Amino acid sequence: MLLFTDGGSTKCDWVVLDNNKEIILKTRTKGLNPAVLPYKVLTNRILENKALLSVAKKITKLDFYGAGCGTVAPSIILKNILQDIFVNATITVKEDTLAAVHAIAREPSIVCILGTGSNSCYYDGNKIHLAIPSLGYIIMDEASGNYYGKRLIRDYFYNRMPTELREPFKKKFDLNTDSIKRHLYKEPNPNTYLASFAEFIFANEEMNGYFYNLLSEGIKNFIESRILCYKEAQQVPIHFIGSIAHLSKEIIEDAMKPYHLSLGKIVRRPIDGLIKYYQKQSL
């Protein structure tokens, strides 16, 4: 049986196909980013899912696509964990951009991820190409959930957030400074913690001007840093995957116009496209 994933920092979707390419299991765990989570946490998050454990020994091939798997050391750590659990499986660990390509791209295009984190790649119709490595939520991740979460927290404490938004923001989140620093420096998944604050932007039906400018600035930074770095940017469609992209569609459309870029598809979750991709493959 084949098991494959779409793994983000916040959550990880798992699908098992039998030899007839029928879905026999579709389940979810918490995020499994090996670049920010310790070995024990990664292991426990998988072991908590009893449905996965019930089929673990029957899995003969496992393709794991995940955030934080684009560099060698974290991907090796995760592969070792998976091998200990799925003992009969041949395992590959690849970055989440490849899953996004499989889910959405059928022709040369640029594929972008805007979720808890952000990334991009160019797909030439056969292979993916990365112009810039992803260095994660502290240095990069423009226009991601954690990027906007950091901005909201900073704007609140620097008194840059509009007065009418400060009180609702304070009521919705624990803004005790000790609590914030504990989550950032002591708890697992600081990137996911930061991304949770971004929910505040999309909580209201009408887009506040402050939120619009915040989103526009982040997406402009993403375009200039993560799309225009590809020489093909103005010749191919540009697809987006992720919750931030899904909720920011009109702003993305507006932000792309000055750069003469062509917007392709916007998909919130790639797992359904990934299922279709695998059902077309030879198992």
C-alpha atoms as a PDB file:
ATOM      1  CA  MET A   1       0.000   0.000   0.000  1.00  0.00           C
ATOM      2  CA  LEU A   2       1.054   3.571  -0.699  1.00  0.00           C
ATOM      3  CA  LEU A   3       1.047   6.332   1.909  1.00  0.00           C
ATOM      4  CA  PHE A   4       1.682   9.961   1.010  1.00  0.00           C
ATOM      5  CA  THR A   5       1.387  13.253   2.843  1.00  0.00           C
ATOM      6  CA  ASP A   6       1.005  16.968   2.548  1.00  0.00           C
ATOM      7  CA  GLY A   7       2.817  18.181   5.632  1.00  0.00           C
ATOM      8  CA  GLY A   8       2.732  21.773   6.834  1.00  0.00           C
ATOM      9  CA  SER A   9       3.916  23.281  10.078  1.00  0.00           C
ATOM     10  CA  THR A  10       0.363  23.469  11.438  1.00  0.00           C
ATOM     11  CA  LYS A  11      -1.104  20.187  10.182  1.00  0.00           C
ATOM     12  CA  CYS A  12      -0.207  17.162   8.099  1.00  0.00           C
ATOM     13  CA  ASP A  13      -2.658  15.307   5.837  1.00  0.00           C
ATOM     14  CA  TRP A  14      -2.055  11.567   5.252  1.00  0.00           C
ATOM     15  CA  VAL A  15      -3.641   9.401   2.553  1.00  0.00           C
ATOM     16  CA  VAL A  16      -3.329   5.632   1.994  1.00  0.00           C
ATOM     17  CA  LEU A  17      -4.108   4.071  -1.385  1.00  0.00           C
ATOM     18  CA  ASP A  18      -4.498   0.342  -1.883  1.00  0.00           C
ATOM     19  CA  ASN A  19      -3.173  -1.547  -4.918  1.00  0.00           C
ATOM     20  CA  ASN A  20      -6.279  -0.541  -6.885  1.00  0.00           C
ATOM     21  CA  LYS A  21      -5.571   3.147  -6.141  1.00  0.00           C
ATOM     22  CA  GLU A  22      -8.630   3.372  -3.905  1.00  0.00           C
ATOM     23  CA  ILE A  23      -8.484   5.529  -0.792  1.00  0.00           C
ATOM     24  CA  ILE A  24      -8.589   3.347   2.302  1.00  0.00           C
ATOM     25  CA  LEU A  25      -7.473   5.964   4.817  1.00  0.00           C
ATOM     26  CA  LYS A  26      -7.482   9.747   4.952  1.00  0.00           C
ATOM     27  CA  THR A  27      -6.371  11.242   8.234  1.00  0.00           C
ATOM     28  CA  ARG A  28      -4.536  14.180   9.805  1.00  0.00           C
ATOM     29  CA  THR A  29      -1.901  14.838  12.449  1.00  0.00           C
ATOM     30  CA  LYS A  30      -0.427  17.997  13.862  1.00  0.00           C
ATOM     31  CA  GLY A  31       2.306  19.608  11.790  1.00  0.00           C
ATOM     32  CA  LEU A  32       5.622  17.769  11.382  1.00  0.00           C
ATOM     33  CA  ASN A  33       8.214  20.385  10.483  1.00  0.00           C
ATOM     34  CA  PRO A  34      11.592  18.774  11.321  1.00  0.00           C
ATOM     35  CA  ALA A  35      13.370  22.119  11.047  1.00  0.00           C
ATOM     36  CA  VAL A  36      11.635  23.481  14.155  1.00  0.00           C
ATOM     37  CA  LEU A  37      10.382  20.459  16.107  1.00  0.00           C
ATOM     38  CA  PRO A  38      12.524  18.100  18.220  1.00  0.00           C
ATOM     39  CA  TYR A  39      12.752  14.363  17.529  1.00  0.00           C
ATOM     40  CA  LYS A  40      10.459  13.348  20.396  1.00  0.00           C
ATOM     41  CA  VAL A  41       7.675  15.751  19.426  1.00  0.00           C
ATOM     42  CA  LEU A  42       7.785  14.615  15.805  1.00  0.00           C
ATOM     43  CA  THR A  43       7.600  10.978  16.862  1.00  0.00           C
ATOM     44  CA  ASN A  44       4.774  11.489  19.334  1.00  0.00           C
ATOM     45  CA  ARG A  45       2.644  13.419  16.848  1.00  0.00           C
ATOM     46  CA  ILE A  46       2.684  10.436  14.509  1.00  0.00           C
ATOM     47  CA  LEU A  47       2.184   7.832  17.250  1.00  0.00           C
ATOM     48  CA  GLU A  48      -0.859   9.716  18.549  1.00  0.00           C
ATOM     49  CA  ASN A  49      -2.729   8.799  15.363  1.00  0.00           C
ATOM     50  CA  LYS A  50      -4.098   5.288  15.937  1.00  0.00           C
ATOM     51  CA  ALA A  51      -5.469   5.008  12.396  1.00  0.00           C
ATOM     52  CA  LEU A  52      -1.964   5.393  10.973  1.00  0.00           C
ATOM     53  CA  LEU A  53      -0.545   2.869  13.389  1.00  0.00           C
ATOM     54  CA  SER A  54      -3.202   0.343  12.403  1.00  0.00           C
ATOM     55  CA  VAL A  55      -1.876   0.236   8.823  1.00  0.00           C
ATOM     56  CA  ALA A  56       1.788   1.017   9.492  1.00  0.00           C
ATOM     57  CA  LYS A  57       3.145  -2.468   8.768  1.00  0.00           C
ATOM     58  CA  LYS A  58       1.139  -2.747   5.541  1.00  0.00           C
ATOM     59  CA  ILE A  59       2.697   0.347   3.958  1.00  0.00           C
ATOM     60  CA  THR A  60       5.269  -0.544   1.292  1.00  0.00           C
ATOM     61  CA  LYS A  61       5.919   2.966  -0.058  1.00  0.00           C
ATOM     62  CA  LEU A  62       5.767   6.283   1.783  1.00  0.00           C
ATOM     63  CA  ASP A  63       6.247   9.655   0.100  1.00  0.00           C
ATOM     64  CA  PHE A  64       6.436  12.410   2.690  1.00  0.00           C
ATOM     65  CA  TYR A  65       6.212  16.007   1.472  1.00  0.00           C
ATOM     66  CA  GLY A  66       6.641  18.592   4.177  1.00  0.00           C
ATOM     67  CA  ALA A  67       7.621  22.033   5.351  1.00  0.00           C
ATOM     68  CA  GLY A  68      11.171  22.066   6.673  1.00  0.00           C
ATOM     69  CA  CYS A  69      12.207  19.128   4.481  1.00  0.00           C
ATOM     70  CA  GLY A  70      14.130  21.122   1.911  1.00  0.00           C
ATOM     71  CA  THR A  71      17.514  20.708   3.596  1.00  0.00           C
ATOM     72  CA  VAL A  72      19.421  17.526   4.295  1.00  0.00           C
ATOM     73  CA  ALA A  73      19.715  17.352   8.089  1.00  0.00           C
ATOM     74  CA  PRO A  74      16.010  17.828   9.010  1.00  0.00           C
ATOM     75  CA  SER A  75      14.832  15.490   6.246  1.00  0.00           C
ATOM     76  CA  ILE A  76      17.174  12.735   7.481  1.00  0.00           C
ATOM     77  CA  ILE A  77      15.824  13.107  11.015  1.00  0.00           C
ATOM     78  CA  LEU A  78      12.245  12.769   9.803  1.00  0.00           C
ATOM     79  CA  LYS A  79      13.075   9.871   7.490  1.00  0.00           C
ATOM     80  CA  ASN A  80      14.616   7.948  10.406  1.00  0.00           C
ATOM     81  CA  ILE A  81      11.510   8.519  12.506  1.00  0.00           C
ATOM     82  CA  LEU A  82       9.228   7.365   9.706  1.00  0.00           C
ATOM     83  CA  GLN A  83      11.358   4.277   9.066  1.00  0.00           C
ATOM     84  CA  ASP A  84      11.054   3.235  12.711  1.00  0.00           C
ATOM     85  CA  ILE A  85       7.259   3.393  12.467  1.00  0.00           C
ATOM     86  CA  PHE A  86       6.608   2.251   8.878  1.00  0.00           C
ATOM     87  CA  VAL A  87       9.118  -0.582   9.006  1.00  0.00           C
ATOM     88  CA  ASN A  88       8.242  -2.233   5.682  1.00  0.00           C
ATOM     89  CA  ALA A  89       8.111   0.940   3.605  1.00  0.00           C
ATOM     90  CA  THR A  90      10.502   2.472   1.120  1.00  0.00           C
ATOM     91  CA  ILE A  91      10.523   6.088   2.258  1.00  0.00           C
ATOM     92  CA  THR A  92      11.249   9.374   0.499  1.00  0.00           C
ATOM     93  CA  VAL A  93      11.153  12.767   2.221  1.00  0.00           C
ATOM     94  CA  LYS A  94      10.784  15.834  -0.009  1.00  0.00           C
ATOM     95  CA  GLU A  95       9.938  19.475   0.546  1.00  0.00           C
ATOM     96  CA  ASP A  96       6.340  20.681   0.371  1.00  0.00           C
ATOM     97  CA  THR A  97       6.898  22.635  -2.846  1.00  0.00           C
ATOM     98  CA  LEU A  98       7.044  19.342  -4.763  1.00  0.00           C
ATOM     99  CA  ALA A  99       3.657  18.303  -3.369  1.00  0.00           C
ATOM    100  CA  ALA A 100       2.280  21.679  -4.425  1.00  0.00           C
ATOM    101  CA  VAL A 101       3.588  21.136  -7.962  1.00  0.00           C
ATOM    102  CA  HIS A 102       2.091  17.636  -8.154  1.00  0.00           C
ATOM    103  CA  ALA A 103      -1.236  19.005  -6.915  1.00  0.00           C
ATOM    104  CA  ILE A 104      -1.616  22.052  -9.122  1.00  0.00           C
ATOM    105  CA  ALA A 105       0.812  22.278 -12.055  1.00  0.00           C
ATOM    106  CA  ARG A 106       0.339  20.567 -15.418  1.00  0.00           C
ATOM    107  CA  GLU A 107       2.536  22.894 -17.452  1.00  0.00           C
ATOM    108  CA  PRO A 108       5.586  25.132 -16.880  1.00  0.00           C
ATOM    109  CA  SER A 109       4.668  27.513 -14.090  1.00  0.00           C
ATOM    110  CA  ILE A 110       5.756  29.112 -10.860  1.00  0.00           C
ATOM    111  CA  VAL A 111       4.171  27.495  -7.809  1.00  0.00           C
ATOM    112  CA  CYS A 112       3.953  29.412  -4.543  1.00  0.00           C
ATOM    113  CA  ILE A 113       3.016  28.388  -1.024  1.00  0.00           C
ATOM    114  CA  LEU A 114       1.416  30.939   1.299  1.00  0.00           C
ATOM    115  CA  GLY A 115       0.369  29.171   4.483  1.00  0.00           C
ATOM    116  CA  THR A 116       1.960  29.044   7.926  1.00  0.00           C
ATOM    117  CA  GLY A 117       5.214  29.559   6.005  1.00  0.00           C
ATOM    118  CA  SER A 118       5.939  30.575   2.414  1.00  0.00           C
ATOM    119  CA  ASN A 119       8.051  29.338  -0.471  1.00  0.00           C
ATOM    120  CA  SER A 120       8.155  29.191  -4.265  1.00  0.00           C
ATOM    121  CA  CYS A 121       9.633  27.169  -7.102  1.00  0.00           C
ATOM    122  CA  TYR A 122       9.701  27.075 -10.880  1.00  0.00           C
ATOM    123  CA  TYR A 123       8.348  23.944 -12.544  1.00  0.00           C
ATOM    124  CA  ASP A 124       9.684  23.461 -16.074  1.00  0.00           C
ATOM    125  CA  GLY A 125       7.207  20.710 -16.951  1.00  0.00           C
ATOM    126  CA  ASN A 126       9.512  18.018 -15.667  1.00  0.00           C
ATOM    127  CA  LYS A 127      11.585  19.219 -12.716  1.00  0.00           C
ATOM    128  CA  ILE A 128      11.326  21.900 -10.064  1.00  0.00           C
ATOM    129  CA  HIS A 129      13.950  24.597  -9.647  1.00  0.00           C
ATOM    130  CA  LEU A 130      14.553  26.693  -6.541  1.00  0.00           C
ATOM    131  CA  ALA A 131      16.154  30.072  -7.142  1.00  0.00           C
ATOM    132  CA  ILE A 132      16.572  30.755  -3.427  1.00  0.00           C
ATOM    133  CA  PRO A 133      16.721  28.318  -0.498  1.00  0.00           C
ATOM    134  CA  SER A 134      14.135  28.702   2.238  1.00  0.00           C
ATOM    135  CA  LEU A 135      15.694  29.848   5.507  1.00  0.00           C
ATOM    136  CA  GLY A 136      12.471  29.708   7.485  1.00  0.00           C
ATOM    137  CA  TYR A 137      10.254  31.902   9.571  1.00  0.00           C
ATOM    138  CA  ILE A 138      12.871  34.080  11.279  1.00  0.00           C
ATOM    139  CA  ILE A 139      14.621  35.366   8.156  1.00  0.00           C
ATOM    140  CA  MET A 140      12.234  34.752   5.239  1.00  0.00           C
ATOM    141  CA  ASP A 141       8.628  33.512   4.844  1.00  0.00           C
ATOM    142  CA  GLU A 142       7.284  36.745   3.346  1.00  0.00           C
ATOM    143  CA  ALA A 143       3.464  36.954   3.220  1.00  0.00           C
ATOM    144  CA  SER A 144       3.047  33.824   5.352  1.00  0.00           C
ATOM    145  CA  GLY A 145       0.885  33.376   8.429  1.00  0.00           C
ATOM    146  CA  ASN A 146       3.859  33.733  10.755  1.00  0.00           C
ATOM    147  CA  TYR A 147       5.044  36.829   8.842  1.00  0.00           C
ATOM    148  CA  TYR A 148       1.690  38.531   9.410  1.00  0.00           C
ATOM    149  CA  GLY A 149       1.503  37.308  13.001  1.00  0.00           C
ATOM    150  CA  LYS A 150       4.837  38.976  13.757  1.00  0.00           C
ATOM    151  CA  ARG A 151       3.645  42.175  12.119  1.00  0.00           C
ATOM    152  CA  LEU A 152       0.438  42.261  14.163  1.00  0.00           C
ATOM    153  CA  ILE A 153       2.243  41.689  17.454  1.00  0.00           C
ATOM    154  CA  ARG A 154       4.865  44.329  16.672  1.00  0.00           C
ATOM    155  CA  ASP A 155       2.269  46.841  15.524  1.00  0.00           C
ATOM    156  CA  TYR A 156       0.285  46.294  18.711  1.00  0.00           C
ATOM    157  CA  PHE A 157       3.226  46.863  21.036  1.00  0.00           C
ATOM    158  CA  TYR A 158       4.657  49.728  18.973  1.00  0.00           C
ATOM    159  CA  ASN A 159       1.201  51.387  18.993  1.00  0.00           C
ATOM    160  CA  ARG A 160       0.969  51.251  15.204  1.00  0.00           C
ATOM    161  CA  MET A 161      -2.231  49.217  15.172  1.00  0.00           C
ATOM    162  CA  PRO A 162      -5.357  51.395  14.700  1.00  0.00           C
ATOM    163  CA  THR A 163      -7.108  52.255  17.952  1.00  0.00           C
ATOM    164  CA  GLU A 164     -10.360  50.510  16.965  1.00  0.00           C
ATOM    165  CA  LEU A 165      -8.493  47.217  16.460  1.00  0.00           C
ATOM    166  CA  ARG A 166      -6.335  47.225  19.557  1.00  0.00           C
ATOM    167  CA  GLU A 167      -9.038  46.239  22.046  1.00  0.00           C
ATOM    168  CA  PRO A 168     -10.463  43.362  19.942  1.00  0.00           C
ATOM    169  CA  PHE A 169      -6.904  42.113  19.362  1.00  0.00           C
ATOM    170  CA  LYS A 170      -6.178  42.232  23.090  1.00  0.00           C
ATOM    171  CA  LYS A 171      -9.389  40.327  23.890  1.00  0.00           C
ATOM    172  CA  LYS A 172      -8.724  37.607  21.319  1.00  0.00           C
ATOM    173  CA  PHE A 173      -5.109  36.811  22.265  1.00  0.00           C
ATOM    174  CA  ASP A 174      -2.983  36.417  25.351  1.00  0.00           C
ATOM    175  CA  LEU A 175      -0.649  39.391  25.009  1.00  0.00           C
ATOM    176  CA  ASN A 176       1.175  38.917  28.280  1.00  0.00           C
ATOM    177  CA  THR A 177       4.812  39.512  27.389  1.00  0.00           C
ATOM    178  CA  ASP A 178       6.045  36.531  29.393  1.00  0.00           C
ATOM    179  CA  SER A 179       3.542  34.289  27.618  1.00  0.00           C
ATOM    180  CA  ILE A 180       4.593  35.527  24.177  1.00  0.00           C
ATOM    181  CA  LYS A 181       8.291  35.037  24.915  1.00  0.00           C
ATOM    182  CA  ARG A 182       7.661  31.566  26.347  1.00  0.00           C
ATOM    183  CA  HIS A 183       5.874  30.481  23.169  1.00  0.00           C
ATOM    184  CA  LEU A 184       8.588  31.963  20.977  1.00  0.00           C
ATOM    185  CA  TYR A 185      11.637  30.671  22.820  1.00  0.00           C
ATOM    186  CA  LYS A 186      10.539  27.696  24.949  1.00  0.00           C
ATOM    187  CA  GLU A 187       7.586  25.970  23.278  1.00  0.00           C
ATOM    188  CA  PRO A 188       7.511  23.845  20.089  1.00  0.00           C
ATOM    189  CA  ASN A 189       6.298  25.371  16.819  1.00  0.00           C
ATOM    190  CA  PRO A 190       6.974  29.086  17.354  1.00  0.00           C
ATOM    191  CA  ASN A 191       6.178  29.618  13.661  1.00  0.00           C
ATOM    192  CA  THR A 192       2.731  28.067  14.062  1.00  0.00           C
ATOM    193  CA  TYR A 193       2.156  30.118  17.207  1.00  0.00           C
ATOM    194  CA  LEU A 194       2.935  33.315  15.298  1.00  0.00           C
ATOM    195  CA  ALA A 195       0.702  32.241  12.408  1.00  0.00           C
ATOM    196  CA  SER A 196      -2.252  31.844  14.783  1.00  0.00           C
ATOM    197  CA  PHE A 197      -2.335  35.634  15.205  1.00  0.00           C
ATOM    198  CA  ALA A 198      -2.908  36.074  11.460  1.00  0.00           C
ATOM    199  CA  GLU A 199      -6.450  34.729  11.915  1.00  0.00           C
ATOM    200  CA  PHE A 200      -7.312  38.174  13.289  1.00  0.00           C
ATOM    201  CA  ILE A 201      -6.856  39.686   9.819  1.00  0.00           C
ATOM    202  CA  PHE A 202      -9.562  37.513   8.285  1.00  0.00           C
ATOM    203  CA  ALA A 203     -11.998  37.453  11.216  1.00  0.00           C
ATOM    204  CA  ASN A 204     -14.198  40.229   9.808  1.00  0.00           C
ATOM    205  CA  GLU A 205     -16.178  40.075   6.583  1.00  0.00           C
ATOM    206  CA  GLU A 206     -15.119  43.574   5.531  1.00  0.00           C
ATOM    207  CA  MET A 207     -11.423  44.140   4.944  1.00  0.00           C
ATOM    208  CA  ASN A 208     -10.169  46.952   7.164  1.00  0.00           C
ATOM    209  CA  GLY A 209      -7.808  49.394   5.413  1.00  0.00           C
ATOM    210  CA  TYR A 210      -5.032  48.553   7.851  1.00  0.00           C
ATOM    211  CA  PHE A 211      -5.383  44.841   7.089  1.00  0.00           C
ATOM    212  CA  TYR A 212      -5.481  45.493   3.341  1.00  0.00           C
ATOM    213  CA  ASN A 213      -2.262  47.495   3.470  1.00  0.00           C
ATOM    214  CA  LEU A 214      -0.631  44.876   5.696  1.00  0.00           C
ATOM    215  CA  LEU A 215      -1.502  42.049   3.303  1.00  0.00           C
ATOM    216  CA  SER A 216      -0.563  44.075   0.229  1.00  0.00           C
ATOM    217  CA  GLU A 217       2.842  44.961   1.633  1.00  0.00           C
ATOM    218  CA  GLY A 218       3.594  41.326   2.495  1.00  0.00           C
ATOM    219  CA  ILE A 219       2.489  40.028  -0.899  1.00  0.00           C
ATOM    220  CA  LYS A 220       4.491  42.745  -2.680  1.00  0.00           C
ATOM    221  CA  ASN A 221       7.568  41.634  -0.706  1.00  0.00           C
ATOM    222  CA  PHE A 222       6.852  38.021  -1.644  1.00  0.00           C
ATOM    223  CA  ILE A 223       6.507  38.854  -5.330  1.00  0.00           C
ATOM    224  CA  GLU A 224       9.753  40.810  -5.405  1.00  0.00           C
ATOM    225  CA  SER A 225      11.690  38.234  -3.357  1.00  0.00           C
ATOM    226  CA  ARG A 226      10.152  34.915  -4.365  1.00  0.00           C
ATOM    227  CA  ILE A 227       8.616  35.320  -7.832  1.00  0.00           C
ATOM    228  CA  LEU A 228      10.672  37.866  -9.737  1.00  0.00           C
ATOM    229  CA  CYS A 229      13.793  35.868  -8.879  1.00  0.00           C
ATOM    230  CA  TYR A 230      12.713  33.522 -11.705  1.00  0.00           C
ATOM    231  CA  LYS A 231      13.474  34.798 -15.202  1.00  0.00           C
ATOM    232  CA  GLU A 232      10.371  32.953 -16.432  1.00  0.00           C
ATOM    233  CA  ALA A 233       8.041  34.903 -14.126  1.00  0.00           C
ATOM    234  CA  GLN A 234       6.391  36.971 -16.843  1.00  0.00           C
ATOM    235  CA  GLN A 235       6.040  34.088 -19.307  1.00  0.00           C
ATOM    236  CA  VAL A 236       4.248  31.458 -17.213  1.00  0.00           C
ATOM    237  CA  PRO A 237       1.191  31.268 -14.921  1.00  0.00           C
ATOM    238  CA  ILE A 238       1.807  31.676 -11.207  1.00  0.00           C
ATOM    239  CA  HIS A 239      -0.123  29.312  -8.951  1.00  0.00           C
ATOM    240  CA  PHE A 240      -0.673  29.666  -5.213  1.00  0.00           C
ATOM    241  CA  ILE A 241      -1.416  27.097  -2.536  1.00  0.00           C
ATOM    242  CA  GLY A 242      -2.255  27.686   1.128  1.00  0.00           C
ATOM    243  CA  SER A 243      -4.742  29.307   3.467  1.00  0.00           C
ATOM    244  CA  ILE A 244      -3.236  32.796   3.296  1.00  0.00           C
ATOM    245  CA  ALA A 245      -3.315  32.689  -0.508  1.00  0.00           C
ATOM    246  CA  HIS A 246      -6.913  31.421  -0.501  1.00  0.00           C
ATOM    247  CA  LEU A 247      -8.070  34.224   1.795  1.00  0.00           C
ATOM    248  CA  SER A 248      -6.105  36.925  -0.060  1.00  0.00           C
ATOM    249  CA  LYS A 249      -7.072  36.159  -3.659  1.00  0.00           C
ATOM    250  CA  GLU A 250      -8.213  39.669  -4.643  1.00  0.00           C
ATOM    251  CA  ILE A 251      -5.194  41.290  -3.016  1.00  0.00           C
ATOM    252  CA  ILE A 252      -2.859  38.895  -4.836  1.00  0.00           C
ATOM    253  CA  GLU A 253      -4.570  39.757  -8.133  1.00  0.00           C
ATOM    254  CA  ASP A 254      -4.123  43.491  -7.473  1.00  0.00           C
ATOM    255  CA  ALA A 255      -0.520  43.114  -6.314  1.00  0.00           C
ATOM    256  CA  MET A 256       0.512  41.172  -9.430  1.00  0.00           C
ATOM    257  CA  LYS A 257      -0.765  43.701 -11.987  1.00  0.00           C
ATOM    258  CA  PRO A 258       2.106  46.244 -11.776  1.00  0.00           C
ATOM    259  CA  TYR A 259       4.590  43.429 -12.422  1.00  0.00           C
ATOM    260  CA  HIS A 260       2.657  42.113 -15.473  1.00  0.00           C
ATOM    261  CA  LEU A 261       2.328  38.662 -13.931  1.00  0.00           C
ATOM    262  CA  SER A 262      -0.303  36.082 -14.844  1.00  0.00           C
ATOM    263  CA  LEU A 263      -2.236  34.556 -11.947  1.00  0.00           C
ATOM    264  CA  GLY A 264      -2.950  30.842 -12.312  1.00  0.00           C
ATOM    265  CA  LYS A 265      -4.872  28.754  -9.781  1.00  0.00           C
ATOM    266  CA  ILE A 266      -5.290  29.394  -6.075  1.00  0.00           C
ATOM    267  CA  VAL A 267      -5.911  26.258  -4.009  1.00  0.00           C
ATOM    268  CA  ARG A 268      -6.324  26.215  -0.250  1.00  0.00           C
ATOM    269  CA  ARG A 269      -5.174  22.636   0.394  1.00  0.00           C
ATOM    270  CA  PRO A 270      -3.195  20.549  -2.086  1.00  0.00           C
ATOM    271  CA  ILE A 271      -4.125  17.118  -0.727  1.00  0.00           C
ATOM    272  CA  ASP A 272      -7.032  16.517  -3.159  1.00  0.00           C
ATOM    273  CA  GLY A 273      -4.838  17.395  -6.134  1.00  0.00           C
ATOM    274  CA  LEU A 274      -2.127  15.157  -4.735  1.00  0.00           C
ATOM    275  CA  ILE A 275      -4.603  12.259  -4.538  1.00  0.00           C
ATOM    276  CA  LYS A 276      -5.469  12.710  -8.218  1.00  0.00           C
ATOM    277  CA  TYR A 277      -1.780  12.828  -9.090  1.00  0.00           C
ATOM    278  CA  TYR A 278      -1.075   9.513  -7.355  1.00  0.00           C
ATOM    279  CA  GLN A 279      -4.146   7.825  -8.735  1.00  0.00           C
ATOM    280  CA  LYS A 280      -2.772   8.478 -12.212  1.00  0.00           C
ATOM    281  CA  GLN A 281       0.623   7.006 -11.366  1.00  0.00           C
ATOM    282  CA  SER A 282       1.712   3.385 -11.567  1.00  0.00           C
ATOM    283  CA  LEU A 283       1.796   1.977  -8.047  1.00  0.00           C
END
